Structures are given as structure tokens and as C-alpha cells.
Protein backbone atom coordinates (compact mmCIF):
# COMPACT_ATOMS: atom_id res chain seq x y z
CA UNK A 1 -0.02 0.00 0.02
CA UNK A 2 1.21 3.53 -0.82
CA UNK A 3 2.25 5.71 2.15
CA UNK A 4 -0.06 8.37 0.65
CA UNK A 5 -3.04 6.03 1.22
CA UNK A 6 -1.98 5.59 4.83
CA UNK A 7 -1.76 9.41 5.17
CA UNK A 8 -5.21 9.78 3.70
CA UNK A 9 -6.66 7.31 6.26
CA UNK A 10 -4.90 9.05 9.12
CA UNK A 11 -6.08 12.44 7.96
CA UNK A 12 -9.67 11.21 7.85
CA UNK A 13 -9.35 10.30 11.54
CA UNK A 14 -7.58 13.57 12.33
CA UNK A 15 -10.20 15.69 10.52
CA UNK A 16 -13.08 13.84 12.25
CA UNK A 17 -12.17 15.45 15.60
CA UNK A 18 -10.47 18.66 14.28
CA UNK A 19 -11.35 21.72 16.40
CA UNK A 20 -8.71 24.27 15.45
CA UNK A 21 -10.16 25.74 12.29
CA UNK A 22 -10.43 29.15 13.81
CA UNK A 23 -6.68 29.77 14.45
CA UNK A 24 -5.37 33.10 13.24
CA UNK A 25 -2.96 33.30 10.34
CA UNK A 26 -0.02 34.94 12.23
CA UNK A 27 1.78 32.59 14.68
CA UNK A 28 0.54 33.15 18.17
CA UNK A 29 3.96 33.07 19.80
CA UNK A 30 5.52 35.34 17.10
CA UNK A 31 8.38 32.94 16.48
CA UNK A 32 9.87 31.30 13.43
CA UNK A 33 11.77 28.02 13.98
CA UNK A 34 14.23 26.88 11.39
CA UNK A 35 14.97 23.11 11.84
CA UNK A 36 16.44 20.15 9.99
CA UNK A 37 14.06 17.95 8.00
CA UNK A 38 15.40 14.87 9.82
CA UNK A 39 12.55 12.48 10.63
CA UNK A 40 13.90 11.92 14.09
CA UNK A 41 13.31 15.55 15.00
CA UNK A 42 9.73 16.68 15.74
CA UNK A 43 10.03 20.40 16.44
CA UNK A 44 6.49 20.64 17.75
CA UNK A 45 7.09 18.00 20.41
CA UNK A 46 10.69 18.92 21.18
CA UNK A 47 9.77 22.61 21.72
CA UNK A 48 6.32 22.22 23.12
CA UNK A 49 4.53 23.82 20.21
CA UNK A 50 0.85 23.55 19.34
CA UNK A 51 -0.87 24.38 16.03
CA UNK A 52 -0.82 28.08 15.48
CA UNK A 53 2.09 28.80 17.83
CA UNK A 54 5.04 29.14 15.34
CA UNK A 55 6.25 29.06 11.81
CA UNK A 56 8.30 25.90 11.48
CA UNK A 57 10.58 26.07 8.41
CA UNK A 58 12.43 22.82 7.62
CA UNK A 59 15.14 21.84 5.18
CA UNK A 60 18.18 19.64 4.98
CA UNK A 61 20.45 20.68 7.84
CA UNK A 62 18.10 23.41 9.08
CA UNK A 63 20.16 25.92 7.14
CA UNK A 64 18.91 29.56 7.33
CA UNK A 65 20.30 30.58 3.95
CA UNK A 66 17.89 28.00 2.49
CA UNK A 67 15.07 29.36 4.61
CA UNK A 68 15.71 33.06 4.13
CA UNK A 69 12.72 33.65 1.83
CA UNK A 70 10.39 32.14 4.41
CA UNK A 71 11.96 34.00 7.27
CA UNK A 72 11.43 37.35 5.43
CA UNK A 73 7.75 36.53 4.75
CA UNK A 74 7.35 35.36 8.33
CA UNK A 75 8.67 38.62 9.73
CA UNK A 76 7.38 41.15 7.22
CA UNK A 77 3.89 39.81 6.57
CA UNK A 78 3.07 37.72 9.65
CA UNK A 79 4.77 39.49 12.49
CA UNK A 80 7.30 37.02 13.87
CA UNK A 81 9.77 38.72 16.19
CA UNK A 82 12.08 35.90 17.22
CA UNK A 83 13.99 33.12 15.40
CA UNK A 84 15.03 29.75 16.76
CA UNK A 85 17.50 27.54 14.90
CA UNK A 86 17.66 23.84 15.53
CA UNK A 87 20.36 21.58 14.18
CA UNK A 88 20.84 18.06 15.58
CA UNK A 89 23.40 15.39 16.44
CA UNK A 90 24.06 12.59 13.95
CA UNK A 91 23.01 14.85 11.07
CA UNK A 92 23.37 13.54 7.51
CA UNK A 93 24.78 16.89 6.47
CA UNK A 94 28.03 15.92 8.32
CA UNK A 95 28.50 12.93 6.01
CA UNK A 96 29.24 14.49 2.55
CA UNK A 97 30.69 17.43 0.69
CA UNK A 98 29.24 19.47 -2.21
CA UNK A 99 31.75 17.62 -4.46
CA UNK A 100 30.56 14.22 -3.30
CA UNK A 101 26.84 14.89 -3.94
CA UNK A 102 27.54 16.71 -7.18
CA UNK A 103 29.53 13.74 -8.41
CA UNK A 104 26.80 11.34 -7.39
CA UNK A 105 24.11 13.37 -9.23
CA UNK A 106 26.30 13.70 -12.30
CA UNK A 107 26.94 9.86 -12.30
CA UNK A 108 23.34 8.82 -11.48
CA UNK A 109 21.34 11.49 -13.33
CA UNK A 110 23.82 12.79 -15.86
CA UNK A 111 23.03 16.36 -14.67
CA UNK A 112 25.42 19.17 -13.82
CA UNK A 113 24.46 20.82 -10.44
CA UNK A 114 27.58 22.84 -9.93
CA UNK A 115 25.27 25.92 -9.41
CA UNK A 116 23.63 24.42 -6.38
CA UNK A 117 25.11 24.82 -2.88
CA UNK A 118 23.98 21.80 -0.90
CA UNK A 119 25.21 23.41 2.40
CA UNK A 120 26.83 20.46 4.15
CA UNK A 121 28.99 21.18 7.24
CA UNK A 122 31.81 19.51 9.08
CA UNK A 123 31.21 20.97 12.56
CA UNK A 124 27.76 20.79 14.00
CA UNK A 125 28.14 23.50 16.67
CA UNK A 126 29.83 25.87 14.18
CA UNK A 127 26.98 25.37 11.67
CA UNK A 128 24.50 26.82 14.25
CA UNK A 129 26.85 29.74 15.01
CA UNK A 130 27.37 30.38 11.28
CA UNK A 131 23.60 30.45 10.70
CA UNK A 132 23.02 32.82 13.61
CA UNK A 133 25.62 35.16 12.20
CA UNK A 134 24.20 34.98 8.72
CA UNK A 135 20.82 36.11 10.01
CA UNK A 136 22.27 38.87 12.23
CA UNK A 137 24.36 40.17 9.30
CA UNK A 138 21.40 40.09 6.83
CA UNK A 139 19.86 43.44 5.99
CA UNK A 140 16.72 41.52 5.07
CA UNK A 141 16.21 40.15 8.57
CA UNK A 142 14.85 42.27 11.42
CA UNK A 143 16.96 42.76 14.58
CA UNK A 144 15.26 40.18 16.75
CA UNK A 145 16.40 37.61 19.29
CA UNK A 146 17.99 34.66 17.56
CA UNK A 147 18.78 31.51 19.55
CA UNK A 148 20.46 28.41 18.30
CA UNK A 149 20.20 24.90 19.66
CA UNK A 150 21.49 21.40 19.04
CA UNK A 151 18.87 18.76 19.39
CA UNK A 152 20.29 15.53 20.73
CA UNK A 153 18.74 12.66 18.69
CA UNK A 154 19.94 10.25 21.38
CA UNK A 155 18.17 12.02 24.36
CA UNK A 156 15.50 14.37 22.91
CA UNK A 157 17.17 17.33 24.75
CA UNK A 158 18.00 20.71 23.22
CA UNK A 159 21.37 22.30 24.10
CA UNK A 160 21.81 26.03 23.59
CA UNK A 161 24.69 26.97 21.37
CA UNK A 162 26.64 30.13 22.21
CA UNK A 163 25.42 33.30 23.86
CA UNK A 164 23.22 34.54 21.06
CA UNK A 165 20.56 36.79 22.53
């Protein structure tokens, strides 16, 4: 059976008791969370979020440069005034380089993707610090509190990275 069919069945159960159709468009807690797309990280559970609380922007590695468009929209049109960055232990982005993935794509798909930055990193803590700095230095991002965390896939805990208030 297709996973899509499983999702459709699960959604029917969810919708049958759905009571949150009146939530406002702007996030209630005025925060945008940028997190990795890793399936072991559930930002809502890890951070105690409910529907309507926050914008949760996910991508490979939780990289803010990849999320910049969404962050700008979140701030400028929907009023968020804080940013949380969540990277995690045992991240797949630590396991390759741009050259490795470009080579694989060229070999498997016969496509040239030299123009794409895949944004891998070699130091997990430094990746969070780099992302904080990128946002703080961007003229497109409001001067708001930005906090970075490492989510421990082994324990479920978040650990603050640096003094970034």
C-alpha cells in the first residue's frame, strides 16, 4: 500500500475530531523556527509547540540561507519577532561534501548541479553559529532575538549553542 493512502486514512481520523479551524494566520507566539528535516526531530514535540504557535521552516540541515525567503515573509507579513535555529546530532549533512553529492548526481542522473550549494557542514556547533551570524548580518532580517540549539537525537534534549541573545 502507498504511504499516501496511509496518510489519507490518518487524515480522515484527524479531521473527524479537528477543532482548530479558527486559528489566526500569524503565529501566536511570534516565532519562526528553522529546523532540519530529519525524521527523528519533531520540532512541535521537542519545543512544546501547538498548532498556530510558530512558523516551522524545515530543510536539509536546518540551514537559514535555504530558509531566508520564508523568514522574510514570516517577519514582514506575519509578524514574527524571534528566530530559533535547531540543528541536531548525527546529522546527515555531516557525511558528505558538495563535491561528493555533485559527483553522485552527475553519475546517477547525468546532470550538472555545480550551481547548487547543498550546504553540508563539518562542525555541528559551528553550523549553528554560522547560521546565527548569517541572520544577524542580513539586511533583510529584522533585529530580533535569535537563539540556536543542538537537538540531541539520542536523548531528545535541546542544548543552547553560544550566547546569542
